[in-house]
Amino acid sequence: SLKVYGAREKEGYTEIYVWDLSGD
């Protein structure tokens, strides 16, 4: 489950800045 702070173009890619809660 993600919280997305934002996204930005950088060096030809799109970086997405998130907080990730991951569980198995």
PDBML (XML) file of the C-alpha atoms, coordinates in Angstrom:
<?xml version="1.0" encoding="UTF-8" ?>
<PDBx:datablock datablockName="MODEL"
   xmlns:PDBx="http://pdbml.pdb.org/schema/pdbx-v50.xsd"
   xmlns:xsi="http://www.w3.org/2001/XMLSchema-instance"
   xsi:schemaLocation="http://pdbml.pdb.org/schema/pdbx-v50.xsd pdbx-v50.xsd">
   <PDBx:atom_siteCategory>
      <PDBx:atom_site id="1">
         <PDBx:B_iso_or_equiv>0.00</PDBx:B_iso_or_equiv>
         <PDBx:Cartn_x>0.000</PDBx:Cartn_x>
         <PDBx:Cartn_y>0.000</PDBx:Cartn_y>
         <PDBx:Cartn_z>0.000</PDBx:Cartn_z>
         <PDBx:auth_asym_id>A</PDBx:auth_asym_id>
         <PDBx:auth_atom_id>CA</PDBx:auth_atom_id>
         <PDBx:auth_comp_id>SER</PDBx:auth_comp_id>
         <PDBx:auth_seq_id>1</PDBx:auth_seq_id>
         <PDBx:group_PDB>ATOM</PDBx:group_PDB>
         <PDBx:label_alt_id xsi:nil="true" />
         <PDBx:label_asym_id>A</PDBx:label_asym_id>
         <PDBx:label_atom_id>CA</PDBx:label_atom_id>
         <PDBx:label_comp_id>SER</PDBx:label_comp_id>
         <PDBx:label_entity_id>1</PDBx:label_entity_id>
         <PDBx:label_seq_id>1</PDBx:label_seq_id>
         <PDBx:occupancy>1.00</PDBx:occupancy>
         <PDBx:pdbx_PDB_model_num>1</PDBx:pdbx_PDB_model_num>
         <PDBx:type_symbol>C</PDBx:type_symbol>
      </PDBx:atom_site>
      <PDBx:atom_site id="2">
         <PDBx:B_iso_or_equiv>0.00</PDBx:B_iso_or_equiv>
         <PDBx:Cartn_x>1.491</PDBx:Cartn_x>
         <PDBx:Cartn_y>3.315</PDBx:Cartn_y>
         <PDBx:Cartn_z>-1.094</PDBx:Cartn_z>
         <PDBx:auth_asym_id>A</PDBx:auth_asym_id>
         <PDBx:auth_atom_id>CA</PDBx:auth_atom_id>
         <PDBx:auth_comp_id>LEU</PDBx:auth_comp_id>
         <PDBx:auth_seq_id>2</PDBx:auth_seq_id>
         <PDBx:group_PDB>ATOM</PDBx:group_PDB>
         <PDBx:label_alt_id xsi:nil="true" />
         <PDBx:label_asym_id>A</PDBx:label_asym_id>
         <PDBx:label_atom_id>CA</PDBx:label_atom_id>
         <PDBx:label_comp_id>LEU</PDBx:label_comp_id>
         <PDBx:label_entity_id>1</PDBx:label_entity_id>
         <PDBx:label_seq_id>2</PDBx:label_seq_id>
         <PDBx:occupancy>1.00</PDBx:occupancy>
         <PDBx:pdbx_PDB_model_num>1</PDBx:pdbx_PDB_model_num>
         <PDBx:type_symbol>C</PDBx:type_symbol>
      </PDBx:atom_site>
      <PDBx:atom_site id="3">
         <PDBx:B_iso_or_equiv>0.00</PDBx:B_iso_or_equiv>
         <PDBx:Cartn_x>1.309</PDBx:Cartn_x>
         <PDBx:Cartn_y>6.963</PDBx:Cartn_y>
         <PDBx:Cartn_z>-0.188</PDBx:Cartn_z>
         <PDBx:auth_asym_id>A</PDBx:auth_asym_id>
         <PDBx:auth_atom_id>CA</PDBx:auth_atom_id>
         <PDBx:auth_comp_id>LYS</PDBx:auth_comp_id>
         <PDBx:auth_seq_id>3</PDBx:auth_seq_id>
         <PDBx:group_PDB>ATOM</PDBx:group_PDB>
         <PDBx:label_alt_id xsi:nil="true" />
         <PDBx:label_asym_id>A</PDBx:label_asym_id>
         <PDBx:label_atom_id>CA</PDBx:label_atom_id>
         <PDBx:label_comp_id>LYS</PDBx:label_comp_id>
         <PDBx:label_entity_id>1</PDBx:label_entity_id>
         <PDBx:label_seq_id>3</PDBx:label_seq_id>
         <PDBx:occupancy>1.00</PDBx:occupancy>
         <PDBx:pdbx_PDB_model_num>1</PDBx:pdbx_PDB_model_num>
         <PDBx:type_symbol>C</PDBx:type_symbol>
      </PDBx:atom_site>
      <PDBx:atom_site id="4">
         <PDBx:B_iso_or_equiv>0.00</PDBx:B_iso_or_equiv>
         <PDBx:Cartn_x>2.451</PDBx:Cartn_x>
         <PDBx:Cartn_y>8.906</PDBx:Cartn_y>
         <PDBx:Cartn_z>-3.256</PDBx:Cartn_z>
         <PDBx:auth_asym_id>A</PDBx:auth_asym_id>
         <PDBx:auth_atom_id>CA</PDBx:auth_atom_id>
         <PDBx:auth_comp_id>VAL</PDBx:auth_comp_id>
         <PDBx:auth_seq_id>4</PDBx:auth_seq_id>
         <PDBx:group_PDB>ATOM</PDBx:group_PDB>
         <PDBx:label_alt_id xsi:nil="true" />
         <PDBx:label_asym_id>A</PDBx:label_asym_id>
         <PDBx:label_atom_id>CA</PDBx:label_atom_id>
         <PDBx:label_comp_id>VAL</PDBx:label_comp_id>
         <PDBx:label_entity_id>1</PDBx:label_entity_id>
         <PDBx:label_seq_id>4</PDBx:label_seq_id>
         <PDBx:occupancy>1.00</PDBx:occupancy>
         <PDBx:pdbx_PDB_model_num>1</PDBx:pdbx_PDB_model_num>
         <PDBx:type_symbol>C</PDBx:type_symbol>
      </PDBx:atom_site>
      <PDBx:atom_site id="5">
         <PDBx:B_iso_or_equiv>0.00</PDBx:B_iso_or_equiv>
         <PDBx:Cartn_x>4.144</PDBx:Cartn_x>
         <PDBx:Cartn_y>12.212</PDBx:Cartn_y>
         <PDBx:Cartn_z>-2.438</PDBx:Cartn_z>
         <PDBx:auth_asym_id>A</PDBx:auth_asym_id>
         <PDBx:auth_atom_id>CA</PDBx:auth_atom_id>
         <PDBx:auth_comp_id>TYR</PDBx:auth_comp_id>
         <PDBx:auth_seq_id>5</PDBx:auth_seq_id>
         <PDBx:group_PDB>ATOM</PDBx:group_PDB>
         <PDBx:label_alt_id xsi:nil="true" />
         <PDBx:label_asym_id>A</PDBx:label_asym_id>
         <PDBx:label_atom_id>CA</PDBx:label_atom_id>
         <PDBx:label_comp_id>TYR</PDBx:label_comp_id>
         <PDBx:label_entity_id>1</PDBx:label_entity_id>
         <PDBx:label_seq_id>5</PDBx:label_seq_id>
         <PDBx:occupancy>1.00</PDBx:occupancy>
         <PDBx:pdbx_PDB_model_num>1</PDBx:pdbx_PDB_model_num>
         <PDBx:type_symbol>C</PDBx:type_symbol>
      </PDBx:atom_site>
      <PDBx:atom_site id="6">
         <PDBx:B_iso_or_equiv>0.00</PDBx:B_iso_or_equiv>
         <PDBx:Cartn_x>4.732</PDBx:Cartn_x>
         <PDBx:Cartn_y>13.182</PDBx:Cartn_y>
         <PDBx:Cartn_z>-6.061</PDBx:Cartn_z>
         <PDBx:auth_asym_id>A</PDBx:auth_asym_id>
         <PDBx:auth_atom_id>CA</PDBx:auth_atom_id>
         <PDBx:auth_comp_id>GLY</PDBx:auth_comp_id>
         <PDBx:auth_seq_id>6</PDBx:auth_seq_id>
         <PDBx:group_PDB>ATOM</PDBx:group_PDB>
         <PDBx:label_alt_id xsi:nil="true" />
         <PDBx:label_asym_id>A</PDBx:label_asym_id>
         <PDBx:label_atom_id>CA</PDBx:label_atom_id>
         <PDBx:label_comp_id>GLY</PDBx:label_comp_id>
         <PDBx:label_entity_id>1</PDBx:label_entity_id>
         <PDBx:label_seq_id>6</PDBx:label_seq_id>
         <PDBx:occupancy>1.00</PDBx:occupancy>
         <PDBx:pdbx_PDB_model_num>1</PDBx:pdbx_PDB_model_num>
         <PDBx:type_symbol>C</PDBx:type_symbol>
      </PDBx:atom_site>
      <PDBx:atom_site id="7">
         <PDBx:B_iso_or_equiv>0.00</PDBx:B_iso_or_equiv>
         <PDBx:Cartn_x>6.625</PDBx:Cartn_x>
         <PDBx:Cartn_y>12.398</PDBx:Cartn_y>
         <PDBx:Cartn_z>-9.236</PDBx:Cartn_z>
         <PDBx:auth_asym_id>A</PDBx:auth_asym_id>
         <PDBx:auth_atom_id>CA</PDBx:auth_atom_id>
         <PDBx:auth_comp_id>ALA</PDBx:auth_comp_id>
         <PDBx:auth_seq_id>7</PDBx:auth_seq_id>
         <PDBx:group_PDB>ATOM</PDBx:group_PDB>
         <PDBx:label_alt_id xsi:nil="true" />
         <PDBx:label_asym_id>A</PDBx:label_asym_id>
         <PDBx:label_atom_id>CA</PDBx:label_atom_id>
         <PDBx:label_comp_id>ALA</PDBx:label_comp_id>
         <PDBx:label_entity_id>1</PDBx:label_entity_id>
         <PDBx:label_seq_id>7</PDBx:label_seq_id>
         <PDBx:occupancy>1.00</PDBx:occupancy>
         <PDBx:pdbx_PDB_model_num>1</PDBx:pdbx_PDB_model_num>
         <PDBx:type_symbol>C</PDBx:type_symbol>
      </PDBx:atom_site>
      <PDBx:atom_site id="8">
         <PDBx:B_iso_or_equiv>0.00</PDBx:B_iso_or_equiv>
         <PDBx:Cartn_x>9.288</PDBx:Cartn_x>
         <PDBx:Cartn_y>14.205</PDBx:Cartn_y>
         <PDBx:Cartn_z>-11.208</PDBx:Cartn_z>
         <PDBx:auth_asym_id>A</PDBx:auth_asym_id>
         <PDBx:auth_atom_id>CA</PDBx:auth_atom_id>
         <PDBx:auth_comp_id>ARG</PDBx:auth_comp_id>
         <PDBx:auth_seq_id>8</PDBx:auth_seq_id>
         <PDBx:group_PDB>ATOM</PDBx:group_PDB>
         <PDBx:label_alt_id xsi:nil="true" />
         <PDBx:label_asym_id>A</PDBx:label_asym_id>
         <PDBx:label_atom_id>CA</PDBx:label_atom_id>
         <PDBx:label_comp_id>ARG</PDBx:label_comp_id>
         <PDBx:label_entity_id>1</PDBx:label_entity_id>
         <PDBx:label_seq_id>8</PDBx:label_seq_id>
         <PDBx:occupancy>1.00</PDBx:occupancy>
         <PDBx:pdbx_PDB_model_num>1</PDBx:pdbx_PDB_model_num>
         <PDBx:type_symbol>C</PDBx:type_symbol>
      </PDBx:atom_site>
      <PDBx:atom_site id="9">
         <PDBx:B_iso_or_equiv>0.00</PDBx:B_iso_or_equiv>
         <PDBx:Cartn_x>11.191</PDBx:Cartn_x>
         <PDBx:Cartn_y>13.839</PDBx:Cartn_y>
         <PDBx:Cartn_z>-14.471</PDBx:Cartn_z>
         <PDBx:auth_asym_id>A</PDBx:auth_asym_id>
         <PDBx:auth_atom_id>CA</PDBx:auth_atom_id>
         <PDBx:auth_comp_id>GLU</PDBx:auth_comp_id>
         <PDBx:auth_seq_id>9</PDBx:auth_seq_id>
         <PDBx:group_PDB>ATOM</PDBx:group_PDB>
         <PDBx:label_alt_id xsi:nil="true" />
         <PDBx:label_asym_id>A</PDBx:label_asym_id>
         <PDBx:label_atom_id>CA</PDBx:label_atom_id>
         <PDBx:label_comp_id>GLU</PDBx:label_comp_id>
         <PDBx:label_entity_id>1</PDBx:label_entity_id>
         <PDBx:label_seq_id>9</PDBx:label_seq_id>
         <PDBx:occupancy>1.00</PDBx:occupancy>
         <PDBx:pdbx_PDB_model_num>1</PDBx:pdbx_PDB_model_num>
         <PDBx:type_symbol>C</PDBx:type_symbol>
      </PDBx:atom_site>
      <PDBx:atom_site id="10">
         <PDBx:B_iso_or_equiv>0.00</PDBx:B_iso_or_equiv>
         <PDBx:Cartn_x>14.867</PDBx:Cartn_x>
         <PDBx:Cartn_y>13.110</PDBx:Cartn_y>
         <PDBx:Cartn_z>-13.855</PDBx:Cartn_z>
         <PDBx:auth_asym_id>A</PDBx:auth_asym_id>
         <PDBx:auth_atom_id>CA</PDBx:auth_atom_id>
         <PDBx:auth_comp_id>LYS</PDBx:auth_comp_id>
         <PDBx:auth_seq_id>10</PDBx:auth_seq_id>
         <PDBx:group_PDB>ATOM</PDBx:group_PDB>
         <PDBx:label_alt_id xsi:nil="true" />
         <PDBx:label_asym_id>A</PDBx:label_asym_id>
         <PDBx:label_atom_id>CA</PDBx:label_atom_id>
         <PDBx:label_comp_id>LYS</PDBx:label_comp_id>
         <PDBx:label_entity_id>1</PDBx:label_entity_id>
         <PDBx:label_seq_id>10</PDBx:label_seq_id>
         <PDBx:occupancy>1.00</PDBx:occupancy>
         <PDBx:pdbx_PDB_model_num>1</PDBx:pdbx_PDB_model_num>
         <PDBx:type_symbol>C</PDBx:type_symbol>
      </PDBx:atom_site>
      <PDBx:atom_site id="11">
         <PDBx:B_iso_or_equiv>0.00</PDBx:B_iso_or_equiv>
         <PDBx:Cartn_x>17.607</PDBx:Cartn_x>
         <PDBx:Cartn_y>12.038</PDBx:Cartn_y>
         <PDBx:Cartn_z>-16.258</PDBx:Cartn_z>
         <PDBx:auth_asym_id>A</PDBx:auth_asym_id>
         <PDBx:auth_atom_id>CA</PDBx:auth_atom_id>
         <PDBx:auth_comp_id>GLU</PDBx:auth_comp_id>
         <PDBx:auth_seq_id>11</PDBx:auth_seq_id>
         <PDBx:group_PDB>ATOM</PDBx:group_PDB>
         <PDBx:label_alt_id xsi:nil="true" />
         <PDBx:label_asym_id>A</PDBx:label_asym_id>
         <PDBx:label_atom_id>CA</PDBx:label_atom_id>
         <PDBx:label_comp_id>GLU</PDBx:label_comp_id>
         <PDBx:label_entity_id>1</PDBx:label_entity_id>
         <PDBx:label_seq_id>11</PDBx:label_seq_id>
         <PDBx:occupancy>1.00</PDBx:occupancy>
         <PDBx:pdbx_PDB_model_num>1</PDBx:pdbx_PDB_model_num>
         <PDBx:type_symbol>C</PDBx:type_symbol>
      </PDBx:atom_site>
      <PDBx:atom_site id="12">
         <PDBx:B_iso_or_equiv>0.00</PDBx:B_iso_or_equiv>
         <PDBx:Cartn_x>15.190</PDBx:Cartn_x>
         <PDBx:Cartn_y>10.614</PDBx:Cartn_y>
         <PDBx:Cartn_z>-18.819</PDBx:Cartn_z>
         <PDBx:auth_asym_id>A</PDBx:auth_asym_id>
         <PDBx:auth_atom_id>CA</PDBx:auth_atom_id>
         <PDBx:auth_comp_id>GLY</PDBx:auth_comp_id>
         <PDBx:auth_seq_id>12</PDBx:auth_seq_id>
         <PDBx:group_PDB>ATOM</PDBx:group_PDB>
         <PDBx:label_alt_id xsi:nil="true" />
         <PDBx:label_asym_id>A</PDBx:label_asym_id>
         <PDBx:label_atom_id>CA</PDBx:label_atom_id>
         <PDBx:label_comp_id>GLY</PDBx:label_comp_id>
         <PDBx:label_entity_id>1</PDBx:label_entity_id>
         <PDBx:label_seq_id>12</PDBx:label_seq_id>
         <PDBx:occupancy>1.00</PDBx:occupancy>
         <PDBx:pdbx_PDB_model_num>1</PDBx:pdbx_PDB_model_num>
         <PDBx:type_symbol>C</PDBx:type_symbol>
      </PDBx:atom_site>
      <PDBx:atom_site id="13">
         <PDBx:B_iso_or_equiv>0.00</PDBx:B_iso_or_equiv>
         <PDBx:Cartn_x>13.060</PDBx:Cartn_x>
         <PDBx:Cartn_y>8.709</PDBx:Cartn_y>
         <PDBx:Cartn_z>-16.296</PDBx:Cartn_z>
         <PDBx:auth_asym_id>A</PDBx:auth_asym_id>
         <PDBx:auth_atom_id>CA</PDBx:auth_atom_id>
         <PDBx:auth_comp_id>TYR</PDBx:auth_comp_id>
         <PDBx:auth_seq_id>13</PDBx:auth_seq_id>
         <PDBx:group_PDB>ATOM</PDBx:group_PDB>
         <PDBx:label_alt_id xsi:nil="true" />
         <PDBx:label_asym_id>A</PDBx:label_asym_id>
         <PDBx:label_atom_id>CA</PDBx:label_atom_id>
         <PDBx:label_comp_id>TYR</PDBx:label_comp_id>
         <PDBx:label_entity_id>1</PDBx:label_entity_id>
         <PDBx:label_seq_id>13</PDBx:label_seq_id>
         <PDBx:occupancy>1.00</PDBx:occupancy>
         <PDBx:pdbx_PDB_model_num>1</PDBx:pdbx_PDB_model_num>
         <PDBx:type_symbol>C</PDBx:type_symbol>
      </PDBx:atom_site>
      <PDBx:atom_site id="14">
         <PDBx:B_iso_or_equiv>0.00</PDBx:B_iso_or_equiv>
         <PDBx:Cartn_x>10.100</PDBx:Cartn_x>
         <PDBx:Cartn_y>9.526</PDBx:Cartn_y>
         <PDBx:Cartn_z>-14.051</PDBx:Cartn_z>
         <PDBx:auth_asym_id>A</PDBx:auth_asym_id>
         <PDBx:auth_atom_id>CA</PDBx:auth_atom_id>
         <PDBx:auth_comp_id>THR</PDBx:auth_comp_id>
         <PDBx:auth_seq_id>14</PDBx:auth_seq_id>
         <PDBx:group_PDB>ATOM</PDBx:group_PDB>
         <PDBx:label_alt_id xsi:nil="true" />
         <PDBx:label_asym_id>A</PDBx:label_asym_id>
         <PDBx:label_atom_id>CA</PDBx:label_atom_id>
         <PDBx:label_comp_id>THR</PDBx:label_comp_id>
         <PDBx:label_entity_id>1</PDBx:label_entity_id>
         <PDBx:label_seq_id>14</PDBx:label_seq_id>
         <PDBx:occupancy>1.00</PDBx:occupancy>
         <PDBx:pdbx_PDB_model_num>1</PDBx:pdbx_PDB_model_num>
         <PDBx:type_symbol>C</PDBx:type_symbol>
      </PDBx:atom_site>
      <PDBx:atom_site id="15">
         <PDBx:B_iso_or_equiv>0.00</PDBx:B_iso_or_equiv>
         <PDBx:Cartn_x>10.879</PDBx:Cartn_x>
         <PDBx:Cartn_y>9.118</PDBx:Cartn_y>
         <PDBx:Cartn_z>-10.362</PDBx:Cartn_z>
         <PDBx:auth_asym_id>A</PDBx:auth_asym_id>
         <PDBx:auth_atom_id>CA</PDBx:auth_atom_id>
         <PDBx:auth_comp_id>GLU</PDBx:auth_comp_id>
         <PDBx:auth_seq_id>15</PDBx:auth_seq_id>
         <PDBx:group_PDB>ATOM</PDBx:group_PDB>
         <PDBx:label_alt_id xsi:nil="true" />
         <PDBx:label_asym_id>A</PDBx:label_asym_id>
         <PDBx:label_atom_id>CA</PDBx:label_atom_id>
         <PDBx:label_comp_id>GLU</PDBx:label_comp_id>
         <PDBx:label_entity_id>1</PDBx:label_entity_id>
         <PDBx:label_seq_id>15</PDBx:label_seq_id>
         <PDBx:occupancy>1.00</PDBx:occupancy>
         <PDBx:pdbx_PDB_model_num>1</PDBx:pdbx_PDB_model_num>
         <PDBx:type_symbol>C</PDBx:type_symbol>
      </PDBx:atom_site>
      <PDBx:atom_site id="16">
         <PDBx:B_iso_or_equiv>0.00</PDBx:B_iso_or_equiv>
         <PDBx:Cartn_x>7.874</PDBx:Cartn_x>
         <PDBx:Cartn_y>8.450</PDBx:Cartn_y>
         <PDBx:Cartn_z>-8.128</PDBx:Cartn_z>
         <PDBx:auth_asym_id>A</PDBx:auth_asym_id>
         <PDBx:auth_atom_id>CA</PDBx:auth_atom_id>
         <PDBx:auth_comp_id>ILE</PDBx:auth_comp_id>
         <PDBx:auth_seq_id>16</PDBx:auth_seq_id>
         <PDBx:group_PDB>ATOM</PDBx:group_PDB>
         <PDBx:label_alt_id xsi:nil="true" />
         <PDBx:label_asym_id>A</PDBx:label_asym_id>
         <PDBx:label_atom_id>CA</PDBx:label_atom_id>
         <PDBx:label_comp_id>ILE</PDBx:label_comp_id>
         <PDBx:label_entity_id>1</PDBx:label_entity_id>
         <PDBx:label_seq_id>16</PDBx:label_seq_id>
         <PDBx:occupancy>1.00</PDBx:occupancy>
         <PDBx:pdbx_PDB_model_num>1</PDBx:pdbx_PDB_model_num>
         <PDBx:type_symbol>C</PDBx:type_symbol>
      </PDBx:atom_site>
      <PDBx:atom_site id="17">
         <PDBx:B_iso_or_equiv>0.00</PDBx:B_iso_or_equiv>
         <PDBx:Cartn_x>8.363</PDBx:Cartn_x>
         <PDBx:Cartn_y>9.283</PDBx:Cartn_y>
         <PDBx:Cartn_z>-4.448</PDBx:Cartn_z>
         <PDBx:auth_asym_id>A</PDBx:auth_asym_id>
         <PDBx:auth_atom_id>CA</PDBx:auth_atom_id>
         <PDBx:auth_comp_id>TYR</PDBx:auth_comp_id>
         <PDBx:auth_seq_id>17</PDBx:auth_seq_id>
         <PDBx:group_PDB>ATOM</PDBx:group_PDB>
         <PDBx:label_alt_id xsi:nil="true" />
         <PDBx:label_asym_id>A</PDBx:label_asym_id>
         <PDBx:label_atom_id>CA</PDBx:label_atom_id>
         <PDBx:label_comp_id>TYR</PDBx:label_comp_id>
         <PDBx:label_entity_id>1</PDBx:label_entity_id>
         <PDBx:label_seq_id>17</PDBx:label_seq_id>
         <PDBx:occupancy>1.00</PDBx:occupancy>
         <PDBx:pdbx_PDB_model_num>1</PDBx:pdbx_PDB_model_num>
         <PDBx:type_symbol>C</PDBx:type_symbol>
      </PDBx:atom_site>
      <PDBx:atom_site id="18">
         <PDBx:B_iso_or_equiv>0.00</PDBx:B_iso_or_equiv>
         <PDBx:Cartn_x>6.315</PDBx:Cartn_x>
         <PDBx:Cartn_y>7.064</PDBx:Cartn_y>
         <PDBx:Cartn_z>-2.138</PDBx:Cartn_z>
         <PDBx:auth_asym_id>A</PDBx:auth_asym_id>
         <PDBx:auth_atom_id>CA</PDBx:auth_atom_id>
         <PDBx:auth_comp_id>VAL</PDBx:auth_comp_id>
         <PDBx:auth_seq_id>18</PDBx:auth_seq_id>
         <PDBx:group_PDB>ATOM</PDBx:group_PDB>
         <PDBx:label_alt_id xsi:nil="true" />
         <PDBx:label_asym_id>A</PDBx:label_asym_id>
         <PDBx:label_atom_id>CA</PDBx:label_atom_id>
         <PDBx:label_comp_id>VAL</PDBx:label_comp_id>
         <PDBx:label_entity_id>1</PDBx:label_entity_id>
         <PDBx:label_seq_id>18</PDBx:label_seq_id>
         <PDBx:occupancy>1.00</PDBx:occupancy>
         <PDBx:pdbx_PDB_model_num>1</PDBx:pdbx_PDB_model_num>
         <PDBx:type_symbol>C</PDBx:type_symbol>
      </PDBx:atom_site>
      <PDBx:atom_site id="19">
         <PDBx:B_iso_or_equiv>0.00</PDBx:B_iso_or_equiv>
         <PDBx:Cartn_x>5.946</PDBx:Cartn_x>
         <PDBx:Cartn_y>5.578</PDBx:Cartn_y>
         <PDBx:Cartn_z>1.315</PDBx:Cartn_z>
         <PDBx:auth_asym_id>A</PDBx:auth_asym_id>
         <PDBx:auth_atom_id>CA</PDBx:auth_atom_id>
         <PDBx:auth_comp_id>TRP</PDBx:auth_comp_id>
         <PDBx:auth_seq_id>19</PDBx:auth_seq_id>
         <PDBx:group_PDB>ATOM</PDBx:group_PDB>
         <PDBx:label_alt_id xsi:nil="true" />
         <PDBx:label_asym_id>A</PDBx:label_asym_id>
         <PDBx:label_atom_id>CA</PDBx:label_atom_id>
         <PDBx:label_comp_id>TRP</PDBx:label_comp_id>
         <PDBx:label_entity_id>1</PDBx:label_entity_id>
         <PDBx:label_seq_id>19</PDBx:label_seq_id>
         <PDBx:occupancy>1.00</PDBx:occupancy>
         <PDBx:pdbx_PDB_model_num>1</PDBx:pdbx_PDB_model_num>
         <PDBx:type_symbol>C</PDBx:type_symbol>
      </PDBx:atom_site>
      <PDBx:atom_site id="20">
         <PDBx:B_iso_or_equiv>0.00</PDBx:B_iso_or_equiv>
         <PDBx:Cartn_x>5.442</PDBx:Cartn_x>
         <PDBx:Cartn_y>1.820</PDBx:Cartn_y>
         <PDBx:Cartn_z>1.016</PDBx:Cartn_z>
         <PDBx:auth_asym_id>A</PDBx:auth_asym_id>
         <PDBx:auth_atom_id>CA</PDBx:auth_atom_id>
         <PDBx:auth_comp_id>ASP</PDBx:auth_comp_id>
         <PDBx:auth_seq_id>20</PDBx:auth_seq_id>
         <PDBx:group_PDB>ATOM</PDBx:group_PDB>
         <PDBx:label_alt_id xsi:nil="true" />
         <PDBx:label_asym_id>A</PDBx:label_asym_id>
         <PDBx:label_atom_id>CA</PDBx:label_atom_id>
         <PDBx:label_comp_id>ASP</PDBx:label_comp_id>
         <PDBx:label_entity_id>1</PDBx:label_entity_id>
         <PDBx:label_seq_id>20</PDBx:label_seq_id>
         <PDBx:occupancy>1.00</PDBx:occupancy>
         <PDBx:pdbx_PDB_model_num>1</PDBx:pdbx_PDB_model_num>
         <PDBx:type_symbol>C</PDBx:type_symbol>
      </PDBx:atom_site>
      <PDBx:atom_site id="21">
         <PDBx:B_iso_or_equiv>0.00</PDBx:B_iso_or_equiv>
         <PDBx:Cartn_x>3.830</PDBx:Cartn_x>
         <PDBx:Cartn_y>-0.437</PDBx:Cartn_y>
         <PDBx:Cartn_z>3.606</PDBx:Cartn_z>
         <PDBx:auth_asym_id>A</PDBx:auth_asym_id>
         <PDBx:auth_atom_id>CA</PDBx:auth_atom_id>
         <PDBx:auth_comp_id>LEU</PDBx:auth_comp_id>
         <PDBx:auth_seq_id>21</PDBx:auth_seq_id>
         <PDBx:group_PDB>ATOM</PDBx:group_PDB>
         <PDBx:label_alt_id xsi:nil="true" />
         <PDBx:label_asym_id>A</PDBx:label_asym_id>
         <PDBx:label_atom_id>CA</PDBx:label_atom_id>
         <PDBx:label_comp_id>LEU</PDBx:label_comp_id>
         <PDBx:label_entity_id>1</PDBx:label_entity_id>
         <PDBx:label_seq_id>21</PDBx:label_seq_id>
         <PDBx:occupancy>1.00</PDBx:occupancy>
         <PDBx:pdbx_PDB_model_num>1</PDBx:pdbx_PDB_model_num>
         <PDBx:type_symbol>C</PDBx:type_symbol>
      </PDBx:atom_site>
      <PDBx:atom_site id="22">
         <PDBx:B_iso_or_equiv>0.00</PDBx:B_iso_or_equiv>
         <PDBx:Cartn_x>4.593</PDBx:Cartn_x>
         <PDBx:Cartn_y>-3.983</PDBx:Cartn_y>
         <PDBx:Cartn_z>2.468</PDBx:Cartn_z>
         <PDBx:auth_asym_id>A</PDBx:auth_asym_id>
         <PDBx:auth_atom_id>CA</PDBx:auth_atom_id>
         <PDBx:auth_comp_id>SER</PDBx:auth_comp_id>
         <PDBx:auth_seq_id>22</PDBx:auth_seq_id>
         <PDBx:group_PDB>ATOM</PDBx:group_PDB>
         <PDBx:label_alt_id xsi:nil="true" />
         <PDBx:label_asym_id>A</PDBx:label_asym_id>
         <PDBx:label_atom_id>CA</PDBx:label_atom_id>
         <PDBx:label_comp_id>SER</PDBx:label_comp_id>
         <PDBx:label_entity_id>1</PDBx:label_entity_id>
         <PDBx:label_seq_id>22</PDBx:label_seq_id>
         <PDBx:occupancy>1.00</PDBx:occupancy>
         <PDBx:pdbx_PDB_model_num>1</PDBx:pdbx_PDB_model_num>
         <PDBx:type_symbol>C</PDBx:type_symbol>
      </PDBx:atom_site>
      <PDBx:atom_site id="23">
         <PDBx:B_iso_or_equiv>0.00</PDBx:B_iso_or_equiv>
         <PDBx:Cartn_x>3.555</PDBx:Cartn_x>
         <PDBx:Cartn_y>-7.206</PDBx:Cartn_y>
         <PDBx:Cartn_z>4.155</PDBx:Cartn_z>
         <PDBx:auth_asym_id>A</PDBx:auth_asym_id>
         <PDBx:auth_atom_id>CA</PDBx:auth_atom_id>
         <PDBx:auth_comp_id>GLY</PDBx:auth_comp_id>
         <PDBx:auth_seq_id>23</PDBx:auth_seq_id>
         <PDBx:group_PDB>ATOM</PDBx:group_PDB>
         <PDBx:label_alt_id xsi:nil="true" />
         <PDBx:label_asym_id>A</PDBx:label_asym_id>
         <PDBx:label_atom_id>CA</PDBx:label_atom_id>
         <PDBx:label_comp_id>GLY</PDBx:label_comp_id>
         <PDBx:label_entity_id>1</PDBx:label_entity_id>
         <PDBx:label_seq_id>23</PDBx:label_seq_id>
         <PDBx:occupancy>1.00</PDBx:occupancy>
         <PDBx:pdbx_PDB_model_num>1</PDBx:pdbx_PDB_model_num>
         <PDBx:type_symbol>C</PDBx:type_symbol>
      </PDBx:atom_site>
      <PDBx:atom_site id="24">
         <PDBx:B_iso_or_equiv>0.00</PDBx:B_iso_or_equiv>
         <PDBx:Cartn_x>3.824</PDBx:Cartn_x>
         <PDBx:Cartn_y>-10.921</PDBx:Cartn_y>
         <PDBx:Cartn_z>3.373</PDBx:Cartn_z>
         <PDBx:auth_asym_id>A</PDBx:auth_asym_id>
         <PDBx:auth_atom_id>CA</PDBx:auth_atom_id>
         <PDBx:auth_comp_id>ASP</PDBx:auth_comp_id>
         <PDBx:auth_seq_id>24</PDBx:auth_seq_id>
         <PDBx:group_PDB>ATOM</PDBx:group_PDB>
         <PDBx:label_alt_id xsi:nil="true" />
         <PDBx:label_asym_id>A</PDBx:label_asym_id>
         <PDBx:label_atom_id>CA</PDBx:label_atom_id>
         <PDBx:label_comp_id>ASP</PDBx:label_comp_id>
         <PDBx:label_entity_id>1</PDBx:label_entity_id>
         <PDBx:label_seq_id>24</PDBx:label_seq_id>
         <PDBx:occupancy>1.00</PDBx:occupancy>
         <PDBx:pdbx_PDB_model_num>1</PDBx:pdbx_PDB_model_num>
         <PDBx:type_symbol>C</PDBx:type_symbol>
      </PDBx:atom_site>
   </PDBx:atom_siteCategory>
</PDBx:datablock>
